[in-house]
PDB file of all heavy atoms in Angstrom:
ATOM      1  N   ALA A   1     123.387 134.286 120.096  1.00  0.00           N
ATOM      2  CA  ALA A   1     122.905 135.103 121.217  1.00  0.00           C
ATOM      3  C   ALA A   1     123.685 134.846 122.499  1.00  0.00           C
ATOM      4  O   ALA A   1     123.322 135.347 123.569  1.00  0.00           O
ATOM      5  CB  ALA A   1     121.418 134.808 121.450  1.00  0.00           C
ATOM      6  N   SER A   2     124.774 134.073 122.399  1.00  0.00           N
ATOM      7  CA  SER A   2     125.497 133.669 123.609  1.00  0.00           C
ATOM      8  C   SER A   2     126.537 134.675 124.097  1.00  0.00           C
ATOM      9  O   SER A   2     127.210 134.431 125.099  1.00  0.00           O
ATOM     10  CB  SER A   2     126.196 132.321 123.343  1.00  0.00           C
ATOM     11  OG  SER A   2     127.216 132.476 122.361  1.00  0.00           O
ATOM     12  N   GLY A   3     126.687 135.804 123.396  1.00  0.00           N
ATOM     13  CA  GLY A   3     127.658 136.815 123.812  1.00  0.00           C
ATOM     14  C   GLY A   3     128.897 136.877 122.949  1.00  0.00           C
ATOM     15  O   GLY A   3     129.806 137.677 123.218  1.00  0.00           O
ATOM     16  N   VAL A   4     128.944 136.050 121.907  1.00  0.00           N
ATOM     17  CA  VAL A   4     130.095 136.099 121.001  1.00  0.00           C
ATOM     18  C   VAL A   4     130.054 137.381 120.180  1.00  0.00           C
ATOM     19  O   VAL A   4     129.008 138.020 120.025  1.00  0.00           O
ATOM     20  CB  VAL A   4     130.110 134.875 120.049  1.00  0.00           C
ATOM     21  CG1 VAL A   4     130.305 133.600 120.833  1.00  0.00           C
ATOM     22  CG2 VAL A   4     128.825 134.802 119.215  1.00  0.00           C
ATOM     23  N   ARG A   5     131.207 137.749 119.676  1.00  0.00           N
ATOM     24  CA  ARG A   5     131.294 138.949 118.849  1.00  0.00           C
ATOM     25  C   ARG A   5     131.044 138.552 117.396  1.00  0.00           C
ATOM     26  O   ARG A   5     131.638 137.625 116.872  1.00  0.00           O
ATOM     27  CB  ARG A   5     132.680 139.570 119.010  1.00  0.00           C
ATOM     28  CG  ARG A   5     132.930 140.831 118.206  1.00  0.00           C
ATOM     29  CD  ARG A   5     134.088 141.637 118.806  1.00  0.00           C
ATOM     30  NE  ARG A   5     135.233 140.790 119.155  1.00  0.00           N
ATOM     31  CZ  ARG A   5     136.208 140.470 118.317  1.00  0.00           C
ATOM     32  NH1 ARG A   5     136.176 140.917 117.072  1.00  0.00           N
ATOM     33  NH2 ARG A   5     137.219 139.721 118.718  1.00  0.00           N
ATOM     34  N   GLY A   6     130.155 139.254 116.755  1.00  0.00           N
ATOM     35  CA  GLY A   6     129.770 138.890 115.400  1.00  0.00           C
ATOM     36  C   GLY A   6     128.762 137.741 115.420  1.00  0.00           C
ATOM     37  O   GLY A   6     128.132 137.457 116.447  1.00  0.00           O
ATOM     38  N   ARG A   7     128.634 137.065 114.303  1.00  0.00           N
ATOM     39  CA  ARG A   7     127.671 135.968 114.215  1.00  0.00           C
ATOM     40  C   ARG A   7     128.116 134.982 113.133  1.00  0.00           C
ATOM     41  O   ARG A   7     128.950 135.303 112.286  1.00  0.00           O
ATOM     42  CB  ARG A   7     126.263 136.490 113.901  1.00  0.00           C
ATOM     43  CG  ARG A   7     126.163 137.240 112.590  1.00  0.00           C
ATOM     44  CD  ARG A   7     124.852 138.015 112.483  1.00  0.00           C
ATOM     45  NE  ARG A   7     123.709 137.132 112.492  1.00  0.00           N
ATOM     46  CZ  ARG A   7     123.177 136.582 111.392  1.00  0.00           C
ATOM     47  NH1 ARG A   7     123.741 136.796 110.212  1.00  0.00           N
ATOM     48  NH2 ARG A   7     122.129 135.816 111.459  1.00  0.00           N
ATOM     49  N   VAL A   8     127.549 133.792 113.230  1.00  0.00           N
ATOM     50  CA  VAL A   8     127.760 132.802 112.179  1.00  0.00           C
ATOM     51  C   VAL A   8     126.484 132.684 111.357  1.00  0.00           C
ATOM     52  O   VAL A   8     125.387 132.976 111.842  1.00  0.00           O
ATOM     53  CB  VAL A   8     128.145 131.414 112.748  1.00  0.00           C
ATOM     54  CG1 VAL A   8     129.470 131.482 113.482  1.00  0.00           C
ATOM     55  CG2 VAL A   8     127.040 130.857 113.651  1.00  0.00           C
ATOM     56  N   THR A   9     126.636 132.256 110.122  1.00  0.00           N
ATOM     57  CA  THR A   9     125.490 131.960 109.262  1.00  0.00           C
ATOM     58  C   THR A   9     125.567 130.485 108.875  1.00  0.00           C
ATOM     59  O   THR A   9     126.614 129.837 109.007  1.00  0.00           O
ATOM     60  CB  THR A   9     125.509 132.820 107.990  1.00  0.00           C
ATOM     61  OG1 THR A   9     126.713 132.558 107.255  1.00  0.00           O
ATOM     62  CG2 THR A   9     125.430 134.303 108.344  1.00  0.00           C
ATOM     63  N   TYR A  10     124.453 129.959 108.398  1.00  0.00           N
ATOM     64  CA  TYR A  10     124.484 128.540 108.020  1.00  0.00           C
ATOM     65  C   TYR A  10     123.678 128.289 106.764  1.00  0.00           C
ATOM     66  O   TYR A  10     122.792 129.072 106.387  1.00  0.00           O
ATOM     67  CB  TYR A  10     123.970 127.667 109.167  1.00  0.00           C
ATOM     68  CG  TYR A  10     122.468 127.648 109.347  1.00  0.00           C
ATOM     69  CD1 TYR A  10     121.689 126.634 108.773  1.00  0.00           C
ATOM     70  CD2 TYR A  10     121.821 128.621 110.108  1.00  0.00           C
ATOM     71  CE1 TYR A  10     120.321 126.595 108.947  1.00  0.00           C
ATOM     72  CE2 TYR A  10     120.445 128.596 110.288  1.00  0.00           C
ATOM     73  CZ  TYR A  10     119.698 127.582 109.701  1.00  0.00           C
ATOM     74  OH  TYR A  10     118.336 127.554 109.872  1.00  0.00           O
ATOM     75  N   GLU A  11     123.985 127.151 106.139  1.00  0.00           N
ATOM     76  CA  GLU A  11     123.275 126.694 104.949  1.00  0.00           C
ATOM     77  C   GLU A  11     123.081 125.192 105.053  1.00  0.00           C
ATOM     78  O   GLU A  11     124.006 124.465 105.425  1.00  0.00           O
ATOM     79  CB  GLU A  11     124.077 127.033 103.692  1.00  0.00           C
ATOM     80  CG  GLU A  11     123.421 126.590 102.407  1.00  0.00           C
ATOM     81  CD  GLU A  11     124.277 126.861 101.170  1.00  0.00           C
ATOM     82  OE1 GLU A  11     125.430 127.321 101.338  1.00  0.00           O
ATOM     83  OE2 GLU A  11     123.791 126.592 100.047  1.00  0.00           O
ATOM     84  N   LEU A  12     121.879 124.743 104.746  1.00  0.00           N
ATOM     85  CA  LEU A  12     121.589 123.305 104.712  1.00  0.00           C
ATOM     86  C   LEU A  12     121.531 122.855 103.257  1.00  0.00           C
ATOM     87  O   LEU A  12     120.750 123.390 102.465  1.00  0.00           O
ATOM     88  CB  LEU A  12     120.262 122.998 105.397  1.00  0.00           C
ATOM     89  CG  LEU A  12     120.260 122.983 106.923  1.00  0.00           C
ATOM     90  CD1 LEU A  12     118.847 122.734 107.446  1.00  0.00           C
ATOM     91  CD2 LEU A  12     121.201 121.916 107.454  1.00  0.00           C
ATOM     92  N   ILE A  13     122.359 121.871 102.908  1.00  0.00           N
ATOM     93  CA  ILE A  13     122.429 121.369 101.542  1.00  0.00           C
ATOM     94  C   ILE A  13     121.997 119.906 101.543  1.00  0.00           C
ATOM     95  O   ILE A  13     122.641 119.063 102.176  1.00  0.00           O
ATOM     96  CB  ILE A  13     123.861 121.483 100.990  1.00  0.00           C
ATOM     97  CG1 ILE A  13     124.368 122.932 101.105  1.00  0.00           C
ATOM     98  CG2 ILE A  13     123.912 121.014  99.541  1.00  0.00           C
ATOM     99  CD1 ILE A  13     125.862 123.053 100.914  1.00  0.00           C
ATOM    100  N   LYS A  14     120.906 119.601 100.857  1.00  0.00           N
ATOM    101  CA  LYS A  14     120.464 118.202 100.787  1.00  0.00           C
ATOM    102  C   LYS A  14     121.379 117.429  99.852  1.00  0.00           C
ATOM    103  O   LYS A  14     121.566 117.811  98.694  1.00  0.00           O
ATOM    104  CB  LYS A  14     119.020 118.112 100.300  1.00  0.00           C
ATOM    105  CG  LYS A  14     118.480 116.674 100.272  1.00  0.00           C
ATOM    106  CD  LYS A  14     117.015 116.617  99.894  1.00  0.00           C
ATOM    107  CE  LYS A  14     116.128 116.930 101.063  1.00  0.00           C
ATOM    108  NZ  LYS A  14     114.689 116.647 100.766  1.00  0.00           N
ATOM    109  N   ILE A  15     121.976 116.360 100.346  1.00  0.00           N
ATOM    110  CA  ILE A  15     122.909 115.567  99.545  1.00  0.00           C
ATOM    111  C   ILE A  15     122.399 114.139  99.315  1.00  0.00           C
ATOM    112  O   ILE A  15     123.089 113.337  98.681  1.00  0.00           O
ATOM    113  CB  ILE A  15     124.308 115.529 100.192  1.00  0.00           C
ATOM    114  CG1 ILE A  15     124.244 114.968 101.618  1.00  0.00           C
ATOM    115  CG2 ILE A  15     124.944 116.915 100.179  1.00  0.00           C
ATOM    116  CD1 ILE A  15     125.610 114.794 102.273  1.00  0.00           C
ATOM    117  N   GLY A  16     121.213 113.820  99.808  1.00  0.00           N
ATOM    118  CA  GLY A  16     120.660 112.492  99.594  1.00  0.00           C
ATOM    119  C   GLY A  16     119.199 112.421  99.975  1.00  0.00           C
ATOM    120  O   GLY A  16     118.793 112.982 100.998  1.00  0.00           O
ATOM    121  N   ASP A  17     118.408 111.746  99.144  1.00  0.00           N
ATOM    122  CA  ASP A  17     116.982 111.600  99.430  1.00  0.00           C
ATOM    123  C   ASP A  17     116.491 110.304  98.785  1.00  0.00           C
ATOM    124  O   ASP A  17     116.188 110.261  97.600  1.00  0.00           O
ATOM    125  CB  ASP A  17     116.207 112.799  98.890  1.00  0.00           C
ATOM    126  CG  ASP A  17     114.767 112.827  99.380  1.00  0.00           C
ATOM    127  OD1 ASP A  17     114.328 111.844 100.014  1.00  0.00           O
ATOM    128  OD2 ASP A  17     114.075 113.834  99.139  1.00  0.00           O
ATOM    129  N   ARG A  18     116.468 109.237  99.570  1.00  0.00           N
ATOM    130  CA  ARG A  18     116.004 107.947  99.093  1.00  0.00           C
ATOM    131  C   ARG A  18     114.669 107.619  99.753  1.00  0.00           C
ATOM    132  O   ARG A  18     114.587 107.584 100.978  1.00  0.00           O
ATOM    133  CB  ARG A  18     117.020 106.848  99.414  1.00  0.00           C
ATOM    134  CG  ARG A  18     118.389 107.077  98.802  1.00  0.00           C
ATOM    135  CD  ARG A  18     119.310 105.896  99.028  1.00  0.00           C
ATOM    136  NE  ARG A  18     120.609 106.111  98.403  1.00  0.00           N
ATOM    137  CZ  ARG A  18     121.416 105.139  97.989  1.00  0.00           C
ATOM    138  NH1 ARG A  18     121.053 103.875  98.164  1.00  0.00           N
ATOM    139  NH2 ARG A  18     122.564 105.411  97.432  1.00  0.00           N
ATOM    140  N   PRO A  19     113.628 107.377  98.973  1.00  0.00           N
ATOM    141  CA  PRO A  19     112.312 107.129  99.563  1.00  0.00           C
ATOM    142  C   PRO A  19     112.182 105.740 100.176  1.00  0.00           C
ATOM    143  O   PRO A  19     112.849 104.792  99.760  1.00  0.00           O
ATOM    144  CB  PRO A  19     111.370 107.282  98.370  1.00  0.00           C
ATOM    145  CG  PRO A  19     112.210 106.860  97.196  1.00  0.00           C
ATOM    146  CD  PRO A  19     113.601 107.361  97.511  1.00  0.00           C
ATOM    147  N   SER A  20     111.331 105.641 101.189  1.00  0.00           N
ATOM    148  CA  SER A  20     110.970 104.340 101.757  1.00  0.00           C
ATOM    149  C   SER A  20     109.802 103.757 100.969  1.00  0.00           C
ATOM    150  O   SER A  20     109.088 104.471 100.252  1.00  0.00           O
ATOM    151  CB  SER A  20     110.553 104.491 103.224  1.00  0.00           C
ATOM    152  OG  SER A  20     111.619 104.902 104.024  1.00  0.00           O
ATOM    153  N   GLY A  21     109.594 102.486 101.138  1.00  0.00           N
ATOM    154  CA  GLY A  21     108.445 101.843 100.512  1.00  0.00           C
ATOM    155  C   GLY A  21     108.447 100.364 100.808  1.00  0.00           C
ATOM    156  O   GLY A  21     109.463  99.805 101.236  1.00  0.00           O
ATOM    157  N   GLU A  22     107.329  99.728 100.580  1.00  0.00           N
ATOM    158  CA  GLU A  22     107.210  98.305 100.878  1.00  0.00           C
ATOM    159  C   GLU A  22     106.157  97.676  99.987  1.00  0.00           C
ATOM    160  O   GLU A  22     105.089  98.246  99.770  1.00  0.00           O
ATOM    161  CB  GLU A  22     106.833  98.133 102.348  1.00  0.00           C
ATOM    162  CG  GLU A  22     106.811  96.710 102.833  1.00  0.00           C
ATOM    163  CD  GLU A  22     106.607  96.655 104.352  1.00  0.00           C
ATOM    164  OE1 GLU A  22     107.153  97.521 105.056  1.00  0.00           O
ATOM    165  OE2 GLU A  22     105.908  95.743 104.804  1.00  0.00           O
ATOM    166  N   LEU A  23     106.457  96.501  99.445  1.00  0.00           N
ATOM    167  CA  LEU A  23     105.521  95.770  98.608  1.00  0.00           C
ATOM    168  C   LEU A  23     105.070  94.506  99.334  1.00  0.00           C
ATOM    169  O   LEU A  23     105.875  93.863 100.023  1.00  0.00           O
ATOM    170  CB  LEU A  23     106.181  95.386  97.283  1.00  0.00           C
ATOM    171  CG  LEU A  23     106.646  96.559  96.403  1.00  0.00           C
ATOM    172  CD1 LEU A  23     107.435  96.024  95.212  1.00  0.00           C
ATOM    173  CD2 LEU A  23     105.469  97.385  95.931  1.00  0.00           C
ATOM    174  N   PRO A  24     103.817  94.119  99.189  1.00  0.00           N
ATOM    175  CA  PRO A  24     103.313  92.936  99.895  1.00  0.00           C
ATOM    176  C   PRO A  24     103.889  91.643  99.341  1.00  0.00           C
ATOM    177  O   PRO A  24     104.213  91.538  98.155  1.00  0.00           O
ATOM    178  CB  PRO A  24     101.794  93.011  99.664  1.00  0.00           C
ATOM    179  CG  PRO A  24     101.648  93.793  98.411  1.00  0.00           C
ATOM    180  CD  PRO A  24     102.765  94.802  98.399  1.00  0.00           C
ATOM    181  N   ALA A  25     104.013  90.654 100.206  1.00  0.00           N
ATOM    182  CA  ALA A  25     104.536  89.347  99.803  1.00  0.00           C
ATOM    183  C   ALA A  25     103.613  88.647  98.817  1.00  0.00           C
ATOM    184  O   ALA A  25     104.033  87.744  98.105  1.00  0.00           O
ATOM    185  CB  ALA A  25     104.745  88.472 101.036  1.00  0.00           C
ATOM    186  N   SER A  26     102.359  89.067  98.761  1.00  0.00           N
ATOM    187  CA  SER A  26     101.386  88.434  97.865  1.00  0.00           C
ATOM    188  C   SER A  26     101.527  88.894  96.419  1.00  0.00           C
ATOM    189  O   SER A  26     100.908  88.320  95.525  1.00  0.00           O
ATOM    190  CB  SER A  26      99.962  88.752  98.348  1.00  0.00           C
ATOM    191  OG  SER A  26      99.751  90.161  98.390  1.00  0.00           O
ATOM    192  N   LEU A  27     102.342  89.902  96.174  1.00  0.00           N
ATOM    193  CA  LEU A  27     102.523  90.435  94.822  1.00  0.00           C
ATOM    194  C   LEU A  27     103.099  89.348  93.905  1.00  0.00           C
ATOM    195  O   LEU A  27     104.027  88.631  94.296  1.00  0.00           O
ATOM    196  CB  LEU A  27     103.478  91.625  94.890  1.00  0.00           C
ATOM    197  CG  LEU A  27     103.550  92.540  93.680  1.00  0.00           C
ATOM    198  CD1 LEU A  27     102.246  93.304  93.507  1.00  0.00           C
ATOM    199  CD2 LEU A  27     104.713  93.507  93.829  1.00  0.00           C
ATOM    200  N   PRO A  28     102.589  89.194  92.674  1.00  0.00           N
ATOM    201  CA  PRO A  28     103.083  88.135  91.793  1.00  0.00           C
ATOM    202  C   PRO A  28     104.596  88.110  91.624  1.00  0.00           C
ATOM    203  O   PRO A  28     105.199  87.033  91.669  1.00  0.00           O
ATOM    204  CB  PRO A  28     102.372  88.440  90.463  1.00  0.00           C
ATOM    205  CG  PRO A  28     101.068  89.046  90.884  1.00  0.00           C
ATOM    206  CD  PRO A  28     101.397  89.871  92.100  1.00  0.00           C
ATOM    207  N   LEU A  29     105.249  89.258  91.433  1.00  0.00           N
ATOM    208  CA  LEU A  29     106.698  89.260  91.255  1.00  0.00           C
ATOM    209  C   LEU A  29     107.409  88.737  92.497  1.00  0.00           C
ATOM    210  O   LEU A  29     108.378  87.968  92.395  1.00  0.00           O
ATOM    211  CB  LEU A  29     107.204  90.665  90.926  1.00  0.00           C
ATOM    212  CG  LEU A  29     108.735  90.816  90.833  1.00  0.00           C
ATOM    213  CD1 LEU A  29     109.325  89.876  89.795  1.00  0.00           C
ATOM    214  CD2 LEU A  29     109.117  92.270  90.529  1.00  0.00           C
ATOM    215  N   VAL A  30     106.932  89.120  93.671  1.00  0.00           N
ATOM    216  CA  VAL A  30     107.543  88.652  94.919  1.00  0.00           C
ATOM    217  C   VAL A  30     107.292  87.150  95.078  1.00  0.00           C
ATOM    218  O   VAL A  30     108.191  86.392  95.463  1.00  0.00           O
ATOM    219  CB  VAL A  30     107.005  89.432  96.131  1.00  0.00           C
ATOM    220  CG1 VAL A  30     107.655  88.938  97.421  1.00  0.00           C
ATOM    221  CG2 VAL A  30     107.249  90.930  95.964  1.00  0.00           C
ATOM    222  N   GLN A  31     106.088  86.707  94.772  1.00  0.00           N
ATOM    223  CA  GLN A  31     105.756  85.287  94.847  1.00  0.00           C
ATOM    224  C   GLN A  31     106.622  84.470  93.878  1.00  0.00           C
ATOM    225  O   GLN A  31     107.148  83.406  94.239  1.00  0.00           O
ATOM    226  CB  GLN A  31     104.274  85.079  94.524  1.00  0.00           C
ATOM    227  CG  GLN A  31     103.324  85.477  95.640  1.00  0.00           C
ATOM    228  CD  GLN A  31     103.306  84.452  96.757  1.00  0.00           C
ATOM    229  OE1 GLN A  31     103.217  83.250  96.519  1.00  0.00           O
ATOM    230  NE2 GLN A  31     103.405  84.922  97.995  1.00  0.00           N
ATOM    231  N   ARG A  32     106.786  84.962  92.666  1.00  0.00           N
ATOM    232  CA  ARG A  32     107.613  84.259  91.683  1.00  0.00           C
ATOM    233  C   ARG A  32     109.070  84.189  92.139  1.00  0.00           C
ATOM    234  O   ARG A  32     109.744  83.174  91.940  1.00  0.00           O
ATOM    235  CB  ARG A  32     107.501  84.957  90.326  1.00  0.00           C
ATOM    236  CG  ARG A  32     106.165  84.725  89.644  1.00  0.00           C
ATOM    237  CD  ARG A  32     105.946  85.626  88.460  1.00  0.00           C
ATOM    238  NE  ARG A  32     104.699  85.283  87.777  1.00  0.00           N
ATOM    239  CZ  ARG A  32     103.884  86.160  87.214  1.00  0.00           C
ATOM    240  NH1 ARG A  32     104.194  87.462  87.234  1.00  0.00           N
ATOM    241  NH2 ARG A  32     102.784  85.765  86.624  1.00  0.00           N
ATOM    242  N   THR A  33     109.539  85.270  92.731  1.00  0.00           N
ATOM    243  CA  THR A  33     110.913  85.293  93.221  1.00  0.00           C
ATOM    244  C   THR A  33     111.105  84.295  94.347  1.00  0.00           C
ATOM    245  O   THR A  33     112.117  83.570  94.396  1.00  0.00           O
ATOM    246  CB  THR A  33     111.290  86.712  93.696  1.00  0.00           C
ATOM    247  OG1 THR A  33     111.093  87.635  92.615  1.00  0.00           O
ATOM    248  CG2 THR A  33     112.737  86.777  94.148  1.00  0.00           C
ATOM    249  N   MET A  34     110.137  84.214  95.262  1.00  0.00           N
ATOM    250  CA  MET A  34     110.225  83.245  96.348  1.00  0.00           C
ATOM    251  C   MET A  34     110.141  81.820  95.815  1.00  0.00           C
ATOM    252  O   MET A  34     110.890  80.932  96.255  1.00  0.00           O
ATOM    253  CB  MET A  34     109.110  83.506  97.366  1.00  0.00           C
ATOM    254  CG  MET A  34     109.306  84.781  98.185  1.00  0.00           C
ATOM    255  SD  MET A  34     108.220  84.872  99.640  1.00  0.00           S
ATOM    256  CE  MET A  34     106.600  84.955  98.873  1.00  0.00           C
ATOM    257  N   ALA A  35     109.244  81.588  94.865  1.00  0.00           N
ATOM    258  CA  ALA A  35     109.071  80.238  94.306  1.00  0.00           C
ATOM    259  C   ALA A  35     110.330  79.790  93.575  1.00  0.00           C
ATOM    260  O   ALA A  35     110.770  78.643  93.702  1.00  0.00           O
ATOM    261  CB  ALA A  35     107.867  80.213  93.372  1.00  0.00           C
ATOM    262  N   ALA A  36     110.942  80.702  92.812  1.00  0.00           N
ATOM    263  CA  ALA A  36     112.170  80.373  92.097  1.00  0.00           C
ATOM    264  C   ALA A  36     113.315  80.103  93.066  1.00  0.00           C
ATOM    265  O   ALA A  36     114.118  79.195  92.865  1.00  0.00           O
ATOM    266  CB  ALA A  36     112.531  81.506  91.146  1.00  0.00           C
ATOM    267  N   THR A  37     113.368  80.876  94.120  1.00  0.00           N
ATOM    268  CA  THR A  37     114.392  80.682  95.153  1.00  0.00           C
ATOM    269  C   THR A  37     114.234  79.320  95.812  1.00  0.00           C
ATOM    270  O   THR A  37     115.216  78.595  96.038  1.00  0.00           O
ATOM    271  CB  THR A  37     114.310  81.799  96.202  1.00  0.00           C
ATOM    272  OG1 THR A  37     114.515  83.057  95.559  1.00  0.00           O
ATOM    273  CG2 THR A  37     115.347  81.609  97.295  1.00  0.00           C
ATOM    274  N   LYS A  38     112.995  78.982  96.112  1.00  0.00           N
ATOM    275  CA  LYS A  38     112.704  77.689  96.739  1.00  0.00           C
ATOM    276  C   LYS A  38     113.097  76.540  95.818  1.00  0.00           C
ATOM    277  O   LYS A  38     113.571  75.486  96.286  1.00  0.00           O
ATOM    278  CB  LYS A  38     111.199  77.611  97.056  1.00  0.00           C
ATOM    279  CG  LYS A  38     110.792  76.408  97.884  1.00  0.00           C
ATOM    280  CD  LYS A  38     111.241  76.540  99.324  1.00  0.00           C
ATOM    281  CE  LYS A  38     110.682  75.418 100.173  1.00  0.00           C
ATOM    282  NZ  LYS A  38     111.135  75.507 101.583  1.00  0.00           N
ATOM    283  N   PHE A  39     112.945  76.717  94.522  1.00  0.00           N
ATOM    284  CA  PHE A  39     113.310  75.674  93.554  1.00  0.00           C
ATOM    285  C   PHE A  39     114.780  75.291  93.679  1.00  0.00           C
ATOM    286  O   PHE A  39     115.143  74.133  93.483  1.00  0.00           O
ATOM    287  CB  PHE A  39     113.014  76.156  92.126  1.00  0.00           C
ATOM    288  CG  PHE A  39     113.508  75.224  91.063  1.00  0.00           C
ATOM    289  CD1 PHE A  39     112.781  74.083  90.718  1.00  0.00           C
ATOM    290  CD2 PHE A  39     114.718  75.455  90.414  1.00  0.00           C
ATOM    291  CE1 PHE A  39     113.250  73.195  89.753  1.00  0.00           C
ATOM    292  CE2 PHE A  39     115.194  74.574  89.444  1.00  0.00           C
ATOM    293  CZ  PHE A  39     114.460  73.439  89.112  1.00  0.00           C
ATOM    294  N   PHE A  40     115.621  76.256  94.019  1.00  0.00           N
ATOM    295  CA  PHE A  40     117.055  75.991  94.162  1.00  0.00           C
ATOM    296  C   PHE A  40     117.429  75.530  95.570  1.00  0.00           C
ATOM    297  O   PHE A  40     118.608  75.501  95.931  1.00  0.00           O
ATOM    298  CB  PHE A  40     117.866  77.229  93.777  1.00  0.00           C
ATOM    299  CG  PHE A  40     117.901  77.473  92.296  1.00  0.00           C
ATOM    300  CD1 PHE A  40     117.055  78.389  91.710  1.00  0.00           C
ATOM    301  CD2 PHE A  40     118.757  76.754  91.480  1.00  0.00           C
ATOM    302  CE1 PHE A  40     117.068  78.606  90.339  1.00  0.00           C
ATOM    303  CE2 PHE A  40     118.778  76.956  90.110  1.00  0.00           C
ATOM    304  CZ  PHE A  40     117.929  77.880  89.530  1.00  0.00           C
ATOM    305  N   GLY A  41     116.428  75.174  96.351  1.00  0.00           N
ATOM    306  CA  GLY A  41     116.676  74.601  97.666  1.00  0.00           C
ATOM    307  C   GLY A  41     116.977  75.607  98.752  1.00  0.00           C
ATOM    308  O   GLY A  41     117.417  75.230  99.845  1.00  0.00           O
ATOM    309  N   GLU A  42     116.714  76.877  98.481  1.00  0.00           N
ATOM    310  CA  GLU A  42     116.961  77.922  99.472  1.00  0.00           C
ATOM    311  C   GLU A  42     115.653  78.369 100.115  1.00  0.00           C
ATOM    312  O   GLU A  42     114.592  78.335  99.488  1.00  0.00           O
ATOM    313  CB  GLU A  42     117.642  79.126  98.817  1.00  0.00           C
ATOM    314  CG  GLU A  42     118.984  78.823  98.189  1.00  0.00           C
ATOM    315  CD  GLU A  42     120.046  78.526  99.217  1.00  0.00           C
ATOM    316  OE1 GLU A  42     119.910  78.997 100.365  1.00  0.00           O
ATOM    317  OE2 GLU A  42     121.034  77.835  98.872  1.00  0.00           O
ATOM    318  N   THR A  43     115.740  78.802 101.365  1.00  0.00           N
ATOM    319  CA  THR A  43     114.572  79.353 102.047  1.00  0.00           C
ATOM    320  C   THR A  43     114.496  80.847 101.755  1.00  0.00           C
ATOM    321  O   THR A  43     115.417  81.592 102.101  1.00  0.00           O
ATOM    322  CB  THR A  43     114.670  79.155 103.573  1.00  0.00           C
ATOM    323  OG1 THR A  43     114.757  77.747 103.839  1.00  0.00           O
ATOM    324  CG2 THR A  43     113.467  79.741 104.278  1.00  0.00           C
TER     325      THR A  43
END
C-alpha cells in the first residue's frame, strides 16, 4: 500500500518445530542420573 507499482506476495514455510518441556528433579531417572554422576566424583 506504499505506492509501489504492482505487489509482492509471500509464503511462510515452517522449517523447524521443537517442543519445550521440563521434567522434575525428583523423577527416578533424573535421580539415578544424578546419583551415578555423583559416584564418579562429579557435581
